[in-house]
Amino acid sequence: MAAIKKAEIERTVQAALMAHGAQAFPAAEVARAVAQAEAAGNRICGLYYLESYCKQLQTGRVRGDVVPVVTAPRPATIHVDALMGFAQPAFAYGLAPALDAARQFGVATLAIGHAHTCTALGYFTEQIAHAGLIGLGLTNASPIVAPPGGKTRMIGTNPIAFSVPDGEGGLAMQFDQSTTTVALGKITMAKAAGEMIPEGWALDADGNATTDPTAALAGSLVSMGGYKGWGFGLMAELLTAGMTGGVLSRDVHPLKAPDGPPHDLGQYYVLIDPSTSGAFMDRLEQFKAFLEEDSAGRMPGQHRDLADPVEVDPAAWAQAQELAGIDA
């Protein structure tokens, strides 16, 4: 592994994106998200995506030169049209007005429409929590999940993220998880590594359980908890497509494919001011104290540390430098 400073990862990724057609601001926002993912050990959402970003900039599958358009159809309803650009700059444009609306009205929504994949959804809800509000986020993706008992891909992994502030500018809790048993990226990485996958992750094209990642990618992923996970996936599907104007998962081509129509995905966020109840932070502290009575008890995301320098995959780092036009 190569130890690289987080700031250097950001600079390199931004340079790579700009070298392939992105303007400075969207490139910087995407680079910050990539570096954060790497620092958190989330390689699936880090440098692993950079080559596809660059190729899709060149083919026009993602726009790197657009300025997101922010509107407020209702006082506490913020909508951002990403104009087929990256999700990260679109969120950056919408976050401040959404925070203001939530602080004024207690609850606000932020809908990002016509966007590229956002990769790590918790990266966004975490920003809401760092601002002192509770953040709930949902998104959809390319179709890879069949209904329980079925074989037809209908929805994506459709992640849900939830971040809670600690009242001191940090996180008291955070989870970011797909509504499938496992994220799609873990299967694609297993295939690339020539490894098998555990039973229970996926089905082949005939609807049978498989441990072969190639068969899994030709089949479908399994919803976590069967019908329960399927229900959460549908919730994410309807809110992110219906409330943002993005497309259904069925109409999204593979996220990393260089060619094809823009992703046109939606991300939907609910921002909640915990001070409106007068009791939230107190109940949070009560529960944390209760949880600590069990030696195994911890809040999801608790004591989460970001590495700096970051241990990155040497091959991925070499590719990033090449895409940025930097001599290794």
Protein backbone atom coordinates (compact mmCIF):
# COMPACT_ATOMS: atom_id res chain seq x y z
CA MET A 1 0.00 0.00 0.00
CA ALA A 2 1.06 3.61 -0.59
CA ALA A 3 0.74 6.25 2.16
CA ILE A 4 -0.58 9.46 0.56
CA LYS A 5 -1.67 12.67 2.28
CA LYS A 6 -5.38 13.34 1.97
CA ALA A 7 -4.72 16.81 0.51
CA GLU A 8 -2.54 15.27 -2.20
CA ILE A 9 -5.32 12.84 -3.11
CA GLU A 10 -7.68 15.80 -3.49
CA ARG A 11 -5.24 17.77 -5.65
CA THR A 12 -4.52 14.78 -7.89
CA VAL A 13 -8.19 13.85 -8.36
CA GLN A 14 -9.12 17.47 -9.10
CA ALA A 15 -6.30 17.70 -11.65
CA ALA A 16 -7.43 14.47 -13.29
CA LEU A 17 -11.03 15.64 -13.59
CA MET A 18 -10.03 19.04 -14.95
CA ALA A 19 -7.71 17.36 -17.45
CA HIS A 20 -10.76 15.52 -18.80
CA GLY A 21 -13.08 18.51 -19.07
CA ALA A 22 -14.42 19.41 -15.63
CA GLN A 23 -14.41 22.98 -14.36
CA ALA A 24 -12.54 23.83 -11.15
CA PHE A 25 -15.47 23.96 -8.69
CA PRO A 26 -17.20 20.66 -9.58
CA ALA A 27 -13.80 18.97 -9.85
CA ALA A 28 -12.86 20.22 -6.38
CA GLU A 29 -16.14 19.02 -4.86
CA VAL A 30 -15.82 15.56 -6.38
CA ALA A 31 -12.16 15.37 -5.38
CA ARG A 32 -13.04 16.18 -1.77
CA ALA A 33 -15.58 13.33 -1.72
CA VAL A 34 -13.12 10.87 -3.28
CA ALA A 35 -10.40 11.75 -0.75
CA GLN A 36 -12.88 11.47 2.12
CA ALA A 37 -13.95 8.02 0.96
CA GLU A 38 -10.35 6.85 0.77
CA ALA A 39 -9.59 8.30 4.22
CA ALA A 40 -12.58 6.43 5.65
CA GLY A 41 -11.42 3.16 4.09
CA ASN A 42 -14.32 3.15 1.61
CA ARG A 43 -12.33 2.26 -1.49
CA ILE A 44 -15.41 1.38 -3.50
CA CYS A 45 -16.42 5.07 -3.49
CA GLY A 46 -12.89 6.46 -3.73
CA LEU A 47 -10.21 6.24 -6.42
CA TYR A 48 -11.99 3.17 -7.76
CA TYR A 49 -14.45 5.54 -9.48
CA LEU A 50 -11.98 8.07 -10.88
CA GLU A 51 -11.31 6.45 -14.24
CA SER A 52 -15.03 6.19 -14.99
CA TYR A 53 -15.55 9.84 -14.02
CA CYS A 54 -12.83 10.88 -16.47
CA LYS A 55 -14.10 8.71 -19.31
CA GLN A 56 -17.68 9.87 -18.78
CA LEU A 57 -16.56 13.50 -18.83
CA GLN A 58 -15.03 12.88 -22.24
CA THR A 59 -18.10 11.12 -23.65
CA GLY A 60 -20.54 13.62 -22.15
CA ARG A 61 -22.24 11.07 -19.92
CA VAL A 62 -21.57 13.49 -17.08
CA ARG A 63 -21.28 17.26 -17.46
CA GLY A 64 -18.39 18.94 -15.72
CA ASP A 65 -19.12 22.47 -16.90
CA VAL A 66 -22.64 23.16 -15.60
CA VAL A 67 -23.83 25.40 -12.77
CA PRO A 68 -26.60 23.73 -10.71
CA VAL A 69 -29.90 25.58 -10.52
CA VAL A 70 -31.45 26.04 -7.06
CA THR A 71 -35.16 26.70 -6.57
CA ALA A 72 -37.57 26.66 -3.63
CA PRO A 73 -41.04 25.47 -4.76
CA ARG A 74 -42.21 25.78 -1.14
CA PRO A 75 -40.61 27.61 1.80
CA ALA A 76 -38.97 24.48 3.28
CA THR A 77 -38.54 22.59 0.02
CA ILE A 78 -35.25 23.12 -1.76
CA HIS A 79 -34.70 21.64 -5.21
CA VAL A 80 -31.44 21.54 -7.14
CA ASP A 81 -31.25 20.67 -10.83
CA ALA A 82 -27.79 19.20 -11.34
CA LEU A 83 -28.20 19.52 -15.12
CA MET A 84 -26.69 16.04 -15.64
CA GLY A 85 -23.58 17.07 -13.74
CA PHE A 86 -21.95 15.67 -10.63
CA ALA A 87 -24.00 15.25 -7.46
CA GLN A 88 -21.35 16.76 -5.18
CA PRO A 89 -21.42 20.35 -6.52
CA ALA A 90 -25.22 20.20 -6.77
CA PHE A 91 -25.42 19.29 -3.08
CA ALA A 92 -22.97 22.08 -2.23
CA TYR A 93 -25.24 24.60 -3.96
CA GLY A 94 -28.34 23.37 -2.14
CA LEU A 95 -26.97 22.74 1.34
CA ALA A 96 -26.90 26.32 2.67
CA PRO A 97 -30.51 27.21 1.71
CA ALA A 98 -31.69 23.80 2.98
CA LEU A 99 -29.97 24.36 6.34
CA ASP A 100 -31.49 27.82 6.60
CA ALA A 101 -34.97 26.45 5.83
CA ALA A 102 -34.65 23.64 8.38
CA ARG A 103 -33.53 26.06 11.10
CA GLN A 104 -36.44 28.36 10.32
CA PHE A 105 -39.18 25.76 9.93
CA GLY A 106 -37.81 22.82 11.93
CA VAL A 107 -37.77 20.43 8.98
CA ALA A 108 -36.76 20.90 5.35
CA THR A 109 -36.15 18.73 2.33
CA LEU A 110 -33.39 18.94 -0.24
CA ALA A 111 -34.00 17.23 -3.58
CA ILE A 112 -31.11 16.83 -6.01
CA GLY A 113 -32.40 15.94 -9.47
CA HIS A 114 -30.78 14.99 -12.80
CA ALA A 115 -27.48 14.10 -11.16
CA HIS A 116 -24.61 11.69 -11.59
CA THR A 117 -24.19 8.97 -8.95
CA CYS A 118 -23.33 10.40 -5.54
CA THR A 119 -21.35 7.25 -4.52
CA ALA A 120 -21.05 7.51 -0.68
CA LEU A 121 -24.41 8.86 0.47
CA GLY A 122 -23.24 9.28 4.07
CA TYR A 123 -20.71 11.85 2.89
CA PHE A 124 -23.64 14.20 2.38
CA THR A 125 -25.73 13.45 5.47
CA GLU A 126 -22.54 13.83 7.50
CA GLN A 127 -22.27 17.43 6.33
CA ILE A 128 -25.81 18.05 7.54
CA ALA A 129 -24.95 16.63 10.96
CA HIS A 130 -21.74 18.66 11.22
CA ALA A 131 -23.98 21.72 10.76
CA GLY A 132 -25.98 20.63 13.84
CA LEU A 133 -28.99 19.05 12.14
CA ILE A 134 -30.17 15.48 11.70
CA GLY A 135 -29.71 14.28 8.13
CA LEU A 136 -31.56 11.48 6.36
CA GLY A 137 -30.62 10.71 2.77
CA LEU A 138 -31.73 8.29 0.06
CA THR A 139 -30.72 7.62 -3.53
CA ASN A 140 -31.35 5.12 -6.31
CA ALA A 141 -28.95 3.48 -8.75
CA SER A 142 -28.70 1.20 -11.78
CA PRO A 143 -31.04 -1.84 -11.65
CA ILE A 144 -29.53 -4.88 -9.96
CA VAL A 145 -32.20 -6.02 -7.48
CA ALA A 146 -35.13 -8.31 -8.28
CA PRO A 147 -38.19 -8.58 -6.02
CA PRO A 148 -38.05 -11.44 -3.50
CA GLY A 149 -38.80 -14.63 -5.40
CA GLY A 150 -38.34 -12.93 -8.78
CA LYS A 151 -35.63 -12.65 -11.42
CA THR A 152 -36.27 -9.28 -13.10
CA ARG A 153 -33.96 -6.44 -12.07
CA MET A 154 -36.21 -3.58 -10.99
CA ILE A 155 -34.41 -1.32 -8.52
CA GLY A 156 -30.86 -0.44 -7.54
CA THR A 157 -29.01 -1.05 -4.30
CA ASN A 158 -30.78 2.19 -3.25
CA PRO A 159 -28.76 3.25 -0.18
CA ILE A 160 -30.07 5.03 2.90
CA ALA A 161 -27.86 7.18 5.14
CA PHE A 162 -28.63 8.73 8.52
CA SER A 163 -26.39 11.11 10.47
CA VAL A 164 -26.96 12.57 13.94
CA PRO A 165 -25.06 15.54 15.39
CA ASP A 166 -23.39 15.32 18.79
CA GLY A 167 -24.07 18.97 19.63
CA GLU A 168 -20.37 19.84 19.40
CA GLY A 169 -19.86 19.92 15.65
CA GLY A 170 -19.25 16.18 15.36
CA LEU A 171 -21.19 12.99 14.79
CA ALA A 172 -23.03 11.05 17.48
CA MET A 173 -24.18 8.42 15.01
CA GLN A 174 -23.99 7.63 11.33
CA PHE A 175 -24.89 4.73 9.11
CA ASP A 176 -24.72 4.50 5.36
CA GLN A 177 -25.89 1.24 3.85
CA SER A 178 -27.40 -0.22 0.73
CA THR A 179 -30.81 -1.83 1.00
CA THR A 180 -29.24 -5.00 -0.37
CA THR A 181 -27.27 -7.52 1.68
CA VAL A 182 -24.08 -6.10 0.21
CA ALA A 183 -23.08 -3.18 -2.01
CA LEU A 184 -22.63 -3.93 -5.72
CA GLY A 185 -19.05 -2.67 -5.60
CA LYS A 186 -18.01 -5.52 -3.32
CA ILE A 187 -19.09 -8.01 -5.95
CA THR A 188 -17.33 -6.21 -8.79
CA MET A 189 -14.18 -5.99 -6.68
CA ALA A 190 -14.41 -9.72 -5.87
CA LYS A 191 -14.67 -10.48 -9.58
CA ALA A 192 -11.63 -8.30 -10.33
CA ALA A 193 -9.68 -10.10 -7.60
CA GLY A 194 -10.74 -13.54 -8.81
CA GLU A 195 -12.48 -14.29 -5.51
CA MET A 196 -15.77 -16.00 -4.74
CA ILE A 197 -18.52 -14.26 -2.77
CA PRO A 198 -20.44 -15.55 0.28
CA GLU A 199 -23.73 -17.31 -0.30
CA GLY A 200 -26.67 -15.05 0.42
CA TRP A 201 -25.31 -12.00 -1.39
CA ALA A 202 -26.69 -12.65 -4.85
CA LEU A 203 -28.66 -14.81 -7.27
CA ASP A 204 -27.76 -15.93 -10.79
CA ALA A 205 -29.88 -15.14 -13.85
CA ASP A 206 -32.16 -18.10 -13.08
CA GLY A 207 -32.86 -16.89 -9.55
CA ASN A 208 -30.62 -19.43 -7.83
CA ALA A 209 -28.19 -18.59 -5.04
CA THR A 210 -24.61 -18.21 -6.28
CA THR A 211 -21.12 -17.63 -4.92
CA ASP A 212 -19.71 -16.78 -8.37
CA PRO A 213 -19.37 -12.98 -8.78
CA THR A 214 -19.65 -13.26 -12.57
CA ALA A 215 -22.95 -15.12 -12.24
CA ALA A 216 -24.08 -12.60 -9.63
CA LEU A 217 -23.40 -9.68 -11.94
CA ALA A 218 -25.46 -11.41 -14.62
CA GLY A 219 -28.23 -12.03 -12.08
CA SER A 220 -29.38 -9.88 -9.18
CA LEU A 221 -28.51 -8.87 -5.64
CA VAL A 222 -30.51 -9.95 -2.61
CA SER A 223 -32.44 -7.39 -0.56
CA MET A 224 -31.34 -7.32 3.06
CA GLY A 225 -33.89 -9.16 5.16
CA GLY A 226 -35.90 -10.23 2.13
CA TYR A 227 -39.21 -8.38 1.91
CA LYS A 228 -38.13 -5.91 4.59
CA GLY A 229 -35.12 -4.73 2.64
CA TRP A 230 -37.16 -4.74 -0.55
CA GLY A 231 -39.60 -2.35 1.12
CA PHE A 232 -36.82 0.03 2.13
CA GLY A 233 -35.43 -0.16 -1.40
CA LEU A 234 -38.81 0.78 -2.85
CA MET A 235 -39.11 3.67 -0.39
CA ALA A 236 -35.77 5.00 -1.63
CA GLU A 237 -36.77 4.40 -5.25
CA LEU A 238 -40.03 6.33 -5.07
CA LEU A 239 -38.68 9.25 -3.05
CA THR A 240 -35.52 9.73 -5.07
CA ALA A 241 -37.10 9.38 -8.49
CA GLY A 242 -40.48 10.88 -7.67
CA MET A 243 -39.44 13.83 -5.51
CA THR A 244 -36.44 14.88 -7.59
CA GLY A 245 -37.59 14.28 -11.16
CA GLY A 246 -34.84 11.73 -11.78
CA VAL A 247 -35.41 8.45 -13.57
CA LEU A 248 -36.35 5.10 -12.13
CA SER A 249 -33.50 2.67 -11.53
CA ARG A 250 -34.71 0.54 -14.44
CA ASP A 251 -33.69 3.32 -16.85
CA VAL A 252 -30.15 3.79 -15.50
CA HIS A 253 -27.36 2.14 -17.47
CA PRO A 254 -24.38 0.66 -15.55
CA LEU A 255 -22.90 3.47 -13.46
CA LYS A 256 -19.29 3.02 -14.54
CA ALA A 257 -19.90 2.41 -18.25
CA PRO A 258 -18.15 5.14 -20.25
CA ASP A 259 -20.92 5.49 -22.82
CA GLY A 260 -24.68 5.74 -22.59
CA PRO A 261 -27.22 8.28 -21.39
CA PRO A 262 -26.48 10.40 -18.30
CA HIS A 263 -27.26 8.74 -14.99
CA ASP A 264 -30.11 11.22 -14.32
CA LEU A 265 -30.34 10.01 -10.71
CA GLY A 266 -31.93 11.67 -7.71
CA GLN A 267 -30.82 12.12 -4.13
CA TYR A 268 -33.38 13.09 -1.52
CA TYR A 269 -32.54 14.50 1.91
CA VAL A 270 -34.57 15.37 4.97
CA LEU A 271 -33.00 17.89 7.36
CA ILE A 272 -34.35 18.05 10.91
CA ASP A 273 -33.48 20.60 13.59
CA PRO A 274 -33.24 18.57 16.83
CA SER A 275 -33.83 21.67 18.94
CA THR A 276 -37.49 21.80 17.89
CA SER A 277 -38.37 18.97 20.30
CA GLY A 278 -36.46 20.31 23.28
CA ALA A 279 -35.67 16.71 24.20
CA PHE A 280 -33.71 15.11 21.38
CA MET A 281 -30.18 15.74 22.62
CA ASP A 282 -31.13 14.68 26.14
CA ARG A 283 -32.62 11.40 24.90
CA LEU A 284 -29.57 10.87 22.72
CA GLU A 285 -27.26 11.17 25.74
CA GLN A 286 -29.53 8.91 27.79
CA PHE A 287 -29.41 6.23 25.14
CA LYS A 288 -25.65 6.51 24.67
CA ALA A 289 -25.15 6.02 28.42
CA PHE A 290 -27.51 3.04 28.40
CA LEU A 291 -25.74 1.55 25.39
CA GLU A 292 -22.38 1.76 27.13
CA GLU A 293 -23.64 -0.61 29.82
CA ASP A 294 -23.13 -3.40 27.30
CA SER A 295 -19.48 -3.99 26.45
CA ALA A 296 -20.38 -4.57 22.81
CA GLY A 297 -22.65 -1.56 22.53
CA ARG A 298 -21.69 1.35 20.32
CA MET A 299 -23.45 3.83 18.09
CA PRO A 300 -22.91 3.23 14.36
CA GLY A 301 -20.13 5.50 13.16
CA GLN A 302 -18.99 6.25 16.71
CA HIS A 303 -15.26 6.93 17.10
CA ARG A 304 -14.88 7.07 13.33
CA ASP A 305 -11.44 8.36 12.44
CA LEU A 306 -10.28 9.50 9.02
CA ALA A 307 -6.78 8.44 8.07
CA ASP A 308 -4.21 11.03 7.02
CA PRO A 309 -1.94 9.97 5.41
CA VAL A 310 -4.15 7.44 3.69
CA GLU A 311 -3.13 3.91 2.73
CA VAL A 312 -4.24 3.68 -0.90
CA ASP A 313 -4.01 0.91 -3.47
CA PRO A 314 -0.74 1.54 -5.39
CA ALA A 315 -2.34 0.59 -8.71
CA ALA A 316 -5.26 2.98 -8.13
CA TRP A 317 -2.88 5.76 -7.12
CA ALA A 318 -0.68 5.22 -10.17
CA GLN A 319 -3.77 5.37 -12.37
CA ALA A 320 -4.92 8.60 -10.68
CA GLN A 321 -1.53 10.20 -11.33
CA GLU A 322 -1.63 9.08 -14.94
CA LEU A 323 -5.13 10.52 -15.41
CA ALA A 324 -3.89 13.79 -13.90
CA GLY A 325 -0.88 13.85 -16.19
CA ILE A 326 1.54 13.55 -13.28
CA ASP A 327 4.75 11.58 -13.66
CA ALA A 328 4.91 8.91 -10.94
